[in-house]
């Protein structure tokens, strides 16, 4: 199983492609295919057949982006974050910002 530095509910910025420069919250991390789904980014239209619970029609939904095309975003400092791993005083593995050594969420 792959280890990623980005997890669900992180704020990320797209670094390459059509949506470069846009920021959003990670909705889901697809570990098996190395992709992330980001809120309101990479929207595609899908047609749904009607069933008893909902009406059919065209629906917009988010499509996954490759994890190499996104980076963690620090909204307070308006910059991308390079993430590292270290152990805190309790012996728990945590993520930290390599520039400021601040622990991330």
PDB file of N, CA and C in Angstrom:
ATOM      1  N   UNK A   1       0.833  -1.170   0.000  1.00  0.00           N
ATOM      2  CA  UNK A   1       0.000   0.000   0.000  1.00  0.00           C
ATOM      3  C   UNK A   1       0.884   1.241   0.000  1.00  0.00           C
ATOM      4  N   UNK A   2       0.514   2.224  -0.806  1.00  0.00           N
ATOM      5  CA  UNK A   2       1.308   3.439  -0.937  1.00  0.00           C
ATOM      6  C   UNK A   2       1.111   4.357   0.263  1.00  0.00           C
ATOM      7  N   UNK A   3       2.177   5.080   0.619  1.00  0.00           N
ATOM      8  CA  UNK A   3       2.105   6.088   1.665  1.00  0.00           C
ATOM      9  C   UNK A   3       2.106   7.448   0.993  1.00  0.00           C
ATOM     10  N   UNK A   4       1.158   8.306   1.366  1.00  0.00           N
ATOM     11  CA  UNK A   4       1.064   9.629   0.780  1.00  0.00           C
ATOM     12  C   UNK A   4       1.185  10.691   1.855  1.00  0.00           C
ATOM     13  N   UNK A   5       1.666  11.862   1.469  1.00  0.00           N
ATOM     14  CA  UNK A   5       1.811  12.977   2.391  1.00  0.00           C
ATOM     15  C   UNK A   5       0.550  13.828   2.436  1.00  0.00           C
ATOM     16  N   UNK A   6      -0.417  13.514   1.586  1.00  0.00           N
ATOM     17  CA  UNK A   6      -1.685  14.233   1.542  1.00  0.00           C
ATOM     18  C   UNK A   6      -2.778  13.292   2.029  1.00  0.00           C
ATOM     19  N   UNK A   7      -3.621  13.794   2.930  1.00  0.00           N
ATOM     20  CA  UNK A   7      -4.711  12.992   3.462  1.00  0.00           C
ATOM     21  C   UNK A   7      -6.032  13.728   3.259  1.00  0.00           C
ATOM     22  N   UNK A   8      -7.132  13.051   3.556  1.00  0.00           N
ATOM     23  CA  UNK A   8      -8.462  13.645   3.398  1.00  0.00           C
ATOM     24  C   UNK A   8      -8.601  14.895   4.262  1.00  0.00           C
ATOM     25  N   UNK A   9      -9.339  15.883   3.758  1.00  0.00           N
ATOM     26  CA  UNK A   9      -9.621  17.174   4.401  1.00  0.00           C
ATOM     27  C   UNK A   9      -8.436  18.132   4.390  1.00  0.00           C
ATOM     28  N   UNK A  10      -7.333  17.806   3.713  1.00  0.00           N
ATOM     29  CA  UNK A  10      -6.231  18.749   3.544  1.00  0.00           C
ATOM     30  C   UNK A  10      -6.597  19.776   2.489  1.00  0.00           C
ATOM     31  N   UNK A  11      -6.052  20.980   2.617  1.00  0.00           N
ATOM     32  CA  UNK A  11      -6.189  22.004   1.594  1.00  0.00           C
ATOM     33  C   UNK A  11      -5.000  21.860   0.652  1.00  0.00           C
ATOM     34  N   UNK A  12      -5.272  21.673  -0.649  1.00  0.00           N
ATOM     35  CA  UNK A  12      -4.200  21.448  -1.621  1.00  0.00           C
ATOM     36  C   UNK A  12      -4.325  22.436  -2.769  1.00  0.00           C
ATOM     37  N   UNK A  13      -3.226  22.594  -3.508  1.00  0.00           N
ATOM     38  CA  UNK A  13      -3.198  23.412  -4.714  1.00  0.00           C
ATOM     39  C   UNK A  13      -2.797  22.509  -5.875  1.00  0.00           C
ATOM     40  N   UNK A  14      -3.419  22.728  -7.035  1.00  0.00           N
ATOM     41  CA  UNK A  14      -3.085  21.961  -8.230  1.00  0.00           C
ATOM     42  C   UNK A  14      -1.839  22.590  -8.851  1.00  0.00           C
ATOM     43  N   UNK A  15      -0.817  21.777  -9.146  1.00  0.00           N
ATOM     44  CA  UNK A  15       0.463  22.290  -9.624  1.00  0.00           C
ATOM     45  C   UNK A  15       0.673  22.114 -11.124  1.00  0.00           C
ATOM     46  N   UNK A  16      -0.184  21.332 -11.794  1.00  0.00           N
ATOM     47  CA  UNK A  16       0.002  21.089 -13.226  1.00  0.00           C
ATOM     48  C   UNK A  16      -1.338  20.808 -13.870  1.00  0.00           C
ATOM     49  N   UNK A  17      -1.434  21.125 -15.154  1.00  0.00           N
ATOM     50  CA  UNK A  17      -2.629  20.784 -15.908  1.00  0.00           C
ATOM     51  C   UNK A  17      -3.601  21.937 -16.056  1.00  0.00           C
ATOM     52  N   UNK A  18      -4.796  21.611 -16.468  1.00  0.00           N
ATOM     53  CA  UNK A  18      -5.844  22.582 -16.776  1.00  0.00           C
ATOM     54  C   UNK A  18      -6.249  23.419 -15.563  1.00  0.00           C
ATOM     55  N   UNK A  19      -6.182  22.855 -14.377  1.00  0.00           N
ATOM     56  CA  UNK A  19      -6.636  23.528 -13.169  1.00  0.00           C
ATOM     57  C   UNK A  19      -5.478  24.065 -12.323  1.00  0.00           C
ATOM     58  N   UNK A  20      -4.328  24.308 -12.933  1.00  0.00           N
ATOM     59  CA  UNK A  20      -3.134  24.769 -12.228  1.00  0.00           C
ATOM     60  C   UNK A  20      -3.415  26.060 -11.471  1.00  0.00           C
ATOM     61  N   UNK A  21      -3.014  26.079 -10.193  1.00  0.00           N
ATOM     62  CA  UNK A  21      -3.178  27.272  -9.367  1.00  0.00           C
ATOM     63  C   UNK A  21      -4.443  27.288  -8.529  1.00  0.00           C
ATOM     64  N   UNK A  22      -5.397  26.404  -8.809  1.00  0.00           N
ATOM     65  CA  UNK A  22      -6.635  26.379  -8.046  1.00  0.00           C
ATOM     66  C   UNK A  22      -6.455  25.558  -6.775  1.00  0.00           C
ATOM     67  N   UNK A  23      -7.128  25.994  -5.705  1.00  0.00           N
ATOM     68  CA  UNK A  23      -7.032  25.296  -4.435  1.00  0.00           C
ATOM     69  C   UNK A  23      -8.374  24.675  -4.078  1.00  0.00           C
ATOM     70  N   UNK A  24      -8.329  23.624  -3.286  1.00  0.00           N
ATOM     71  CA  UNK A  24      -9.547  22.963  -2.846  1.00  0.00           C
ATOM     72  C   UNK A  24      -9.254  21.948  -1.757  1.00  0.00           C
ATOM     73  N   UNK A  25     -10.318  21.432  -1.167  1.00  0.00           N
ATOM     74  CA  UNK A  25     -10.200  20.458  -0.081  1.00  0.00           C
ATOM     75  C   UNK A  25     -10.245  19.053  -0.653  1.00  0.00           C
ATOM     76  N   UNK A  26      -9.414  18.173  -0.140  1.00  0.00           N
ATOM     77  CA  UNK A  26      -9.369  16.785  -0.595  1.00  0.00           C
ATOM     78  C   UNK A  26     -10.592  16.048  -0.046  1.00  0.00           C
ATOM     79  N   UNK A  27     -11.379  15.469  -0.955  1.00  0.00           N
ATOM     80  CA  UNK A  27     -12.556  14.708  -0.562  1.00  0.00           C
ATOM     81  C   UNK A  27     -12.225  13.240  -0.326  1.00  0.00           C
ATOM     82  N   UNK A  28     -11.334  12.693  -1.167  1.00  0.00           N
ATOM     83  CA  UNK A  28     -11.010  11.278  -1.061  1.00  0.00           C
ATOM     84  C   UNK A  28      -9.621  11.029  -1.632  1.00  0.00           C
ATOM     85  N   UNK A  29      -8.896  10.111  -1.009  1.00  0.00           N
ATOM     86  CA  UNK A  29      -7.590   9.677  -1.515  1.00  0.00           C
ATOM     87  C   UNK A  29      -7.752   8.253  -2.014  1.00  0.00           C
ATOM     88  N   UNK A  30      -7.481   8.041  -3.305  1.00  0.00           N
ATOM     89  CA  UNK A  30      -7.570   6.717  -3.924  1.00  0.00           C
ATOM     90  C   UNK A  30      -6.167   6.110  -3.905  1.00  0.00           C
ATOM     91  N   UNK A  31      -5.846   5.339  -2.882  1.00  0.00           N
ATOM     92  CA  UNK A  31      -4.498   4.815  -2.697  1.00  0.00           C
ATOM     93  C   UNK A  31      -4.102   3.805  -3.769  1.00  0.00           C
ATOM     94  N   UNK A  32      -5.043   3.028  -4.249  1.00  0.00           N
ATOM     95  CA  UNK A  32      -4.709   1.980  -5.214  1.00  0.00           C
ATOM     96  C   UNK A  32      -4.317   2.527  -6.574  1.00  0.00           C
ATOM     97  N   UNK A  33      -4.836   3.702  -6.953  1.00  0.00           N
ATOM     98  CA  UNK A  33      -4.512   4.276  -8.262  1.00  0.00           C
ATOM     99  C   UNK A  33      -3.715   5.579  -8.148  1.00  0.00           C
ATOM    100  N   UNK A  34      -3.276   5.937  -6.932  1.00  0.00           N
ATOM    101  CA  UNK A  34      -2.452   7.128  -6.657  1.00  0.00           C
ATOM    102  C   UNK A  34      -3.113   8.414  -7.131  1.00  0.00           C
ATOM    103  N   UNK A  35      -4.387   8.577  -6.812  1.00  0.00           N
ATOM    104  CA  UNK A  35      -5.116   9.782  -7.217  1.00  0.00           C
ATOM    105  C   UNK A  35      -5.883  10.354  -6.028  1.00  0.00           C
ATOM    106  N   UNK A  36      -6.228  11.641  -6.147  1.00  0.00           N
ATOM    107  CA  UNK A  36      -7.034  12.321  -5.138  1.00  0.00           C
ATOM    108  C   UNK A  36      -8.207  13.009  -5.807  1.00  0.00           C
ATOM    109  N   UNK A  37      -9.342  13.060  -5.104  1.00  0.00           N
ATOM    110  CA  UNK A  37     -10.509  13.794  -5.572  1.00  0.00           C
ATOM    111  C   UNK A  37     -10.573  15.083  -4.771  1.00  0.00           C
ATOM    112  N   UNK A  38     -10.644  16.223  -5.482  1.00  0.00           N
ATOM    113  CA  UNK A  38     -10.617  17.534  -4.856  1.00  0.00           C
ATOM    114  C   UNK A  38     -11.948  18.234  -5.104  1.00  0.00           C
ATOM    115  N   UNK A  39     -12.443  18.913  -4.075  1.00  0.00           N
ATOM    116  CA  UNK A  39     -13.732  19.588  -4.142  1.00  0.00           C
ATOM    117  C   UNK A  39     -13.724  20.692  -5.196  1.00  0.00           C
ATOM    118  N   UNK A  40     -14.710  20.673  -6.095  1.00  0.00           N
ATOM    119  CA  UNK A  40     -14.949  21.686  -7.137  1.00  0.00           C
ATOM    120  C   UNK A  40     -13.821  21.793  -8.169  1.00  0.00           C
ATOM    121  N   UNK A  41     -12.980  20.764  -8.307  1.00  0.00           N
ATOM    122  CA  UNK A  41     -11.900  20.787  -9.301  1.00  0.00           C
ATOM    123  C   UNK A  41     -12.003  19.534 -10.162  1.00  0.00           C
ATOM    124  N   UNK A  42     -11.731  19.681 -11.459  1.00  0.00           N
ATOM    125  CA  UNK A  42     -11.789  18.601 -12.438  1.00  0.00           C
ATOM    126  C   UNK A  42     -13.208  18.033 -12.546  1.00  0.00           C
ATOM    127  N   UNK A  43     -14.175  18.938 -12.716  1.00  0.00           N
ATOM    128  CA  UNK A  43     -15.574  18.535 -12.827  1.00  0.00           C
ATOM    129  C   UNK A  43     -15.852  17.914 -14.193  1.00  0.00           C
ATOM    130  N   UNK A  44     -16.603  16.818 -14.197  1.00  0.00           N
ATOM    131  CA  UNK A  44     -17.030  16.165 -15.427  1.00  0.00           C
ATOM    132  C   UNK A  44     -18.545  15.976 -15.353  1.00  0.00           C
ATOM    133  N   UNK A  45     -19.174  15.877 -16.511  1.00  0.00           N
ATOM    134  CA  UNK A  45     -20.616  15.670 -16.554  1.00  0.00           C
ATOM    135  C   UNK A  45     -20.907  14.197 -16.805  1.00  0.00           C
ATOM    136  N   UNK A  46     -21.836  13.651 -16.030  1.00  0.00           N
ATOM    137  CA  UNK A  46     -22.247  12.266 -16.173  1.00  0.00           C
ATOM    138  C   UNK A  46     -23.761  12.203 -16.278  1.00  0.00           C
ATOM    139  N   UNK A  47     -24.247  11.293 -17.122  1.00  0.00           N
ATOM    140  CA  UNK A  47     -25.685  11.092 -17.268  1.00  0.00           C
ATOM    141  C   UNK A  47     -26.131   9.979 -16.329  1.00  0.00           C
ATOM    142  N   UNK A  48     -27.213  10.223 -15.588  1.00  0.00           N
ATOM    143  CA  UNK A  48     -27.736   9.231 -14.655  1.00  0.00           C
ATOM    144  C   UNK A  48     -29.131   8.818 -15.078  1.00  0.00           C
ATOM    145  N   UNK A  49     -29.391   7.528 -15.002  1.00  0.00           N
ATOM    146  CA  UNK A  49     -30.735   7.032 -15.267  1.00  0.00           C
ATOM    147  C   UNK A  49     -31.599   7.275 -14.045  1.00  0.00           C
ATOM    148  N   UNK A  50     -32.874   7.534 -14.232  1.00  0.00           N
ATOM    149  CA  UNK A  50     -33.738   7.745 -13.069  1.00  0.00           C
ATOM    150  C   UNK A  50     -34.007   6.426 -12.342  1.00  0.00           C
ATOM    151  N   UNK A  51     -34.218   6.539 -11.039  1.00  0.00           N
ATOM    152  CA  UNK A  51     -34.665   5.391 -10.259  1.00  0.00           C
ATOM    153  C   UNK A  51     -35.691   5.888  -9.238  1.00  0.00           C
ATOM    154  N   UNK A  52     -36.070   5.073  -8.288  1.00  0.00           N
ATOM    155  CA  UNK A  52     -37.143   5.444  -7.376  1.00  0.00           C
ATOM    156  C   UNK A  52     -36.758   6.584  -6.428  1.00  0.00           C
ATOM    157  N   UNK A  53     -35.480   6.727  -6.121  1.00  0.00           N
ATOM    158  CA  UNK A  53     -35.061   7.773  -5.186  1.00  0.00           C
ATOM    159  C   UNK A  53     -34.770   9.113  -5.848  1.00  0.00           C
ATOM    160  N   UNK A  54     -34.320   9.108  -7.108  1.00  0.00           N
ATOM    161  CA  UNK A  54     -33.904  10.373  -7.724  1.00  0.00           C
ATOM    162  C   UNK A  54     -34.351  10.425  -9.180  1.00  0.00           C
ATOM    163  N   UNK A  55     -34.407  11.633  -9.685  1.00  0.00           N
ATOM    164  CA  UNK A  55     -34.714  11.827 -11.106  1.00  0.00           C
ATOM    165  C   UNK A  55     -33.427  11.674 -11.904  1.00  0.00           C
ATOM    166  N   UNK A  56     -33.546  11.317 -13.144  1.00  0.00           N
ATOM    167  CA  UNK A  56     -32.376  11.181 -14.001  1.00  0.00           C
ATOM    168  C   UNK A  56     -31.946  12.536 -14.532  1.00  0.00           C
ATOM    169  N   UNK A  57     -30.878  12.553 -15.310  1.00  0.00           N
ATOM    170  CA  UNK A  57     -30.404  13.789 -15.913  1.00  0.00           C
ATOM    171  C   UNK A  57     -28.891  13.859 -15.907  1.00  0.00           C
ATOM    172  N   UNK A  58     -28.393  15.040 -16.212  1.00  0.00           N
ATOM    173  CA  UNK A  58     -26.957  15.268 -16.283  1.00  0.00           C
ATOM    174  C   UNK A  58     -26.486  15.814 -14.924  1.00  0.00           C
ATOM    175  N   UNK A  59     -25.448  15.186 -14.366  1.00  0.00           N
ATOM    176  CA  UNK A  59     -24.916  15.572 -13.062  1.00  0.00           C
ATOM    177  C   UNK A  59     -23.441  15.891 -13.213  1.00  0.00           C
ATOM    178  N   UNK A  60     -22.991  16.975 -12.553  1.00  0.00           N
ATOM    179  CA  UNK A  60     -21.562  17.281 -12.521  1.00  0.00           C
ATOM    180  C   UNK A  60     -20.957  16.695 -11.263  1.00  0.00           C
ATOM    181  N   UNK A  61     -19.816  16.022 -11.419  1.00  0.00           N
ATOM    182  CA  UNK A  61     -19.131  15.462 -10.260  1.00  0.00           C
ATOM    183  C   UNK A  61     -17.629  15.597 -10.443  1.00  0.00           C
ATOM    184  N   UNK A  62     -16.904  15.493  -9.328  1.00  0.00           N
ATOM    185  CA  UNK A  62     -15.454  15.615  -9.368  1.00  0.00           C
ATOM    186  C   UNK A  62     -14.819  14.326  -9.858  1.00  0.00           C
ATOM    187  N   UNK A  63     -13.789  14.486 -10.671  1.00  0.00           N
ATOM    188  CA  UNK A  63     -13.029  13.352 -11.169  1.00  0.00           C
ATOM    189  C   UNK A  63     -11.641  13.400 -10.517  1.00  0.00           C
ATOM    190  N   UNK A  64     -11.018  12.261 -10.252  1.00  0.00           N
ATOM    191  CA  UNK A  64      -9.721  12.259  -9.557  1.00  0.00           C
ATOM    192  C   UNK A  64      -8.583  12.849 -10.394  1.00  0.00           C
ATOM    193  N   UNK A  65      -7.633  13.480  -9.713  1.00  0.00           N
ATOM    194  CA  UNK A  65      -6.381  13.962 -10.292  1.00  0.00           C
ATOM    195  C   UNK A  65      -5.237  13.132  -9.712  1.00  0.00           C
ATOM    196  N   UNK A  66      -4.163  12.986 -10.479  1.00  0.00           N
ATOM    197  CA  UNK A  66      -3.015  12.238  -9.977  1.00  0.00           C
ATOM    198  C   UNK A  66      -2.371  13.006  -8.825  1.00  0.00           C
ATOM    199  N   UNK A  67      -1.915  12.282  -7.828  1.00  0.00           N
ATOM    200  CA  UNK A  67      -1.398  12.908  -6.611  1.00  0.00           C
ATOM    201  C   UNK A  67      -0.108  13.692  -6.858  1.00  0.00           C
ATOM    202  N   UNK A  68       0.605  13.392  -7.938  1.00  0.00           N
ATOM    203  CA  UNK A  68       1.824  14.132  -8.251  1.00  0.00           C
ATOM    204  C   UNK A  68       1.515  15.530  -8.770  1.00  0.00           C
ATOM    205  N   UNK A  69       0.273  15.790  -9.138  1.00  0.00           N
ATOM    206  CA  UNK A  69      -0.113  17.098  -9.665  1.00  0.00           C
ATOM    207  C   UNK A  69      -0.726  18.008  -8.609  1.00  0.00           C
ATOM    208  N   UNK A  70      -0.641  17.635  -7.347  1.00  0.00           N
ATOM    209  CA  UNK A  70      -1.154  18.483  -6.268  1.00  0.00           C
ATOM    210  C   UNK A  70      -0.102  18.615  -5.180  1.00  0.00           C
ATOM    211  N   UNK A  71      -0.185  19.715  -4.419  1.00  0.00           N
ATOM    212  CA  UNK A  71       0.727  19.943  -3.302  1.00  0.00           C
ATOM    213  C   UNK A  71      -0.075  20.524  -2.148  1.00  0.00           C
ATOM    214  N   UNK A  72       0.375  20.263  -0.939  1.00  0.00           N
ATOM    215  CA  UNK A  72      -0.272  20.803   0.244  1.00  0.00           C
ATOM    216  C   UNK A  72      -0.163  22.325   0.219  1.00  0.00           C
ATOM    217  N   UNK A  73      -1.212  23.025   0.672  1.00  0.00           N
ATOM    218  CA  UNK A  73      -1.274  24.485   0.597  1.00  0.00           C
ATOM    219  C   UNK A  73      -1.416  25.061   1.993  1.00  0.00           C
ATOM    220  N   UNK A  74      -0.605  26.070   2.306  1.00  0.00           N
ATOM    221  CA  UNK A  74      -0.711  26.792   3.564  1.00  0.00           C
ATOM    222  C   UNK A  74      -1.427  28.103   3.268  1.00  0.00           C
ATOM    223  N   UNK A  75      -2.692  28.226   3.691  1.00  0.00           N
ATOM    224  CA  UNK A  75      -3.502  29.394   3.374  1.00  0.00           C
ATOM    225  C   UNK A  75      -3.033  30.635   4.129  1.00  0.00           C
ATOM    226  N   UNK A  76      -2.478  30.464   5.326  1.00  0.00           N
ATOM    227  CA  UNK A  76      -2.032  31.611   6.123  1.00  0.00           C
ATOM    228  C   UNK A  76      -0.845  32.315   5.478  1.00  0.00           C
ATOM    229  N   UNK A  77       0.082  31.546   4.910  1.00  0.00           N
ATOM    230  CA  UNK A  77       1.287  32.113   4.311  1.00  0.00           C
ATOM    231  C   UNK A  77       1.220  32.173   2.786  1.00  0.00           C
ATOM    232  N   UNK A  78       0.111  31.673   2.183  1.00  0.00           N
ATOM    233  CA  UNK A  78      -0.068  31.653   0.725  1.00  0.00           C
ATOM    234  C   UNK A  78       1.112  30.998   0.006  1.00  0.00           C
ATOM    235  N   UNK A  79       1.426  29.775   0.382  1.00  0.00           N
ATOM    236  CA  UNK A  79       2.537  29.073  -0.260  1.00  0.00           C
ATOM    237  C   UNK A  79       2.317  27.568  -0.193  1.00  0.00           C
ATOM    238  N   UNK A  80       3.020  26.866  -1.097  1.00  0.00           N
ATOM    239  CA  UNK A  80       3.015  25.405  -1.079  1.00  0.00           C
ATOM    240  C   UNK A  80       3.868  24.925   0.080  1.00  0.00           C
ATOM    241  N   UNK A  81       3.562  23.734   0.557  1.00  0.00           N
ATOM    242  CA  UNK A  81       4.268  23.181   1.702  1.00  0.00           C
ATOM    243  C   UNK A  81       4.957  21.891   1.294  1.00  0.00           C
ATOM    244  N   UNK A  82       6.244  21.795   1.620  1.00  0.00           N
ATOM    245  CA  UNK A  82       6.946  20.529   1.475  1.00  0.00           C
ATOM    246  C   UNK A  82       6.793  19.787   2.788  1.00  0.00           C
ATOM    247  N   UNK A  83       6.320  18.554   2.701  1.00  0.00           N
ATOM    248  CA  UNK A  83       5.959  17.785   3.886  1.00  0.00           C
ATOM    249  C   UNK A  83       7.016  16.731   4.182  1.00  0.00           C
ATOM    250  N   UNK A  84       7.342  16.587   5.459  1.00  0.00           N
ATOM    251  CA  UNK A  84       8.219  15.531   5.916  1.00  0.00           C
ATOM    252  C   UNK A  84       7.556  14.800   7.070  1.00  0.00           C
ATOM    253  N   UNK A  85       8.135  13.701   7.479  1.00  0.00           N
ATOM    254  CA  UNK A  85       7.629  12.937   8.610  1.00  0.00           C
ATOM    255  C   UNK A  85       8.676  12.910   9.716  1.00  0.00           C
ATOM    256  N   UNK A  86       8.208  13.004  10.955  1.00  0.00           N
ATOM    257  CA  UNK A  86       9.089  12.837  12.110  1.00  0.00           C
ATOM    258  C   UNK A  86       8.259  12.325  13.278  1.00  0.00           C
ATOM    259  N   UNK A  87       8.936  11.914  14.325  1.00  0.00           N
ATOM    260  CA  UNK A  87       8.263  11.425  15.522  1.00  0.00           C
ATOM    261  C   UNK A  87       8.255  12.531  16.572  1.00  0.00           C
ATOM    262  N   UNK A  88       7.074  12.766  17.184  1.00  0.00           N
ATOM    263  CA  UNK A  88       6.994  13.776  18.231  1.00  0.00           C
ATOM    264  C   UNK A  88       7.445  13.185  19.568  1.00  0.00           C
ATOM    265  N   UNK A  89       7.286  13.945  20.653  1.00  0.00           N
ATOM    266  CA  UNK A  89       7.761  13.519  21.968  1.00  0.00           C
ATOM    267  C   UNK A  89       7.070  12.260  22.473  1.00  0.00           C
ATOM    268  N   UNK A  90       5.812  12.062  22.046  1.00  0.00           N
ATOM    269  CA  UNK A  90       5.060  10.879  22.484  1.00  0.00           C
ATOM    270  C   UNK A  90       5.416   9.636  21.684  1.00  0.00           C
ATOM    271  N   UNK A  91       6.248   9.782  20.662  1.00  0.00           N
ATOM    272  CA  UNK A  91       6.611   8.651  19.820  1.00  0.00           C
ATOM    273  C   UNK A  91       5.644   8.433  18.672  1.00  0.00           C
ATOM    274  N   UNK A  92       4.750   9.397  18.436  1.00  0.00           N
ATOM    275  CA  UNK A  92       3.768   9.284  17.353  1.00  0.00           C
ATOM    276  C   UNK A  92       4.324   9.927  16.088  1.00  0.00           C
ATOM    277  N   UNK A  93       4.110   9.291  14.948  1.00  0.00           N
ATOM    278  CA  UNK A  93       4.591   9.810  13.671  1.00  0.00           C
ATOM    279  C   UNK A  93       3.677  10.943  13.211  1.00  0.00           C
ATOM    280  N   UNK A  94       4.251  12.113  12.906  1.00  0.00           N
ATOM    281  CA  UNK A  94       3.474  13.286  12.495  1.00  0.00           C
ATOM    282  C   UNK A  94       4.075  13.892  11.231  1.00  0.00           C
ATOM    283  N   UNK A  95       3.251  14.664  10.521  1.00  0.00           N
ATOM    284  CA  UNK A  95       3.722  15.402   9.348  1.00  0.00           C
ATOM    285  C   UNK A  95       4.189  16.786   9.799  1.00  0.00           C
ATOM    286  N   UNK A  96       5.225  17.314   9.127  1.00  0.00           N
ATOM    287  CA  UNK A  96       5.686  18.651   9.472  1.00  0.00           C
ATOM    288  C   UNK A  96       6.111  19.399   8.218  1.00  0.00           C
ATOM    289  N   UNK A  97       6.095  20.732   8.321  1.00  0.00           N
ATOM    290  CA  UNK A  97       6.524  21.617   7.237  1.00  0.00           C
ATOM    291  C   UNK A  97       8.044  21.695   7.271  1.00  0.00           C
ATOM    292  N   UNK A  98       8.687  21.344   6.163  1.00  0.00           N
ATOM    293  CA  UNK A  98      10.145  21.298   6.133  1.00  0.00           C
ATOM    294  C   UNK A  98      10.776  22.675   6.237  1.00  0.00           C
ATOM    295  N   UNK A  99      10.041  23.740   5.871  1.00  0.00           N
ATOM    296  CA  UNK A  99      10.602  25.087   5.908  1.00  0.00           C
ATOM    297  C   UNK A  99      10.554  25.665   7.314  1.00  0.00           C
ATOM    298  N   UNK A 100       9.417  25.512   7.988  1.00  0.00           N
ATOM    299  CA  UNK A 100       9.245  26.139   9.309  1.00  0.00           C
ATOM    300  C   UNK A 100       9.297  25.141  10.460  1.00  0.00           C
ATOM    301  N   UNK A 101       9.368  23.860  10.177  1.00  0.00           N
ATOM    302  CA  UNK A 101       9.342  22.794  11.179  1.00  0.00           C
ATOM    303  C   UNK A 101       8.062  22.774  12.011  1.00  0.00           C
ATOM    304  N   UNK A 102       6.990  23.386  11.503  1.00  0.00           N
ATOM    305  CA  UNK A 102       5.706  23.371  12.197  1.00  0.00           C
ATOM    306  C   UNK A 102       4.989  22.065  11.901  1.00  0.00           C
ATOM    307  N   UNK A 103       4.332  21.516  12.919  1.00  0.00           N
ATOM    308  CA  UNK A 103       3.576  20.265  12.746  1.00  0.00           C
ATOM    309  C   UNK A 103       2.279  20.564  12.027  1.00  0.00           C
ATOM    310  N   UNK A 104       1.941  19.722  11.045  1.00  0.00           N
ATOM    311  CA  UNK A 104       0.741  19.896  10.230  1.00  0.00           C
ATOM    312  C   UNK A 104      -0.370  19.014  10.793  1.00  0.00           C
ATOM    313  N   UNK A 105      -1.531  19.656  11.068  1.00  0.00           N
ATOM    314  CA  UNK A 105      -2.764  19.031  11.492  1.00  0.00           C
ATOM    315  C   UNK A 105      -2.623  17.712  12.031  1.00  0.00           C
TER     316      UNK A 105
END
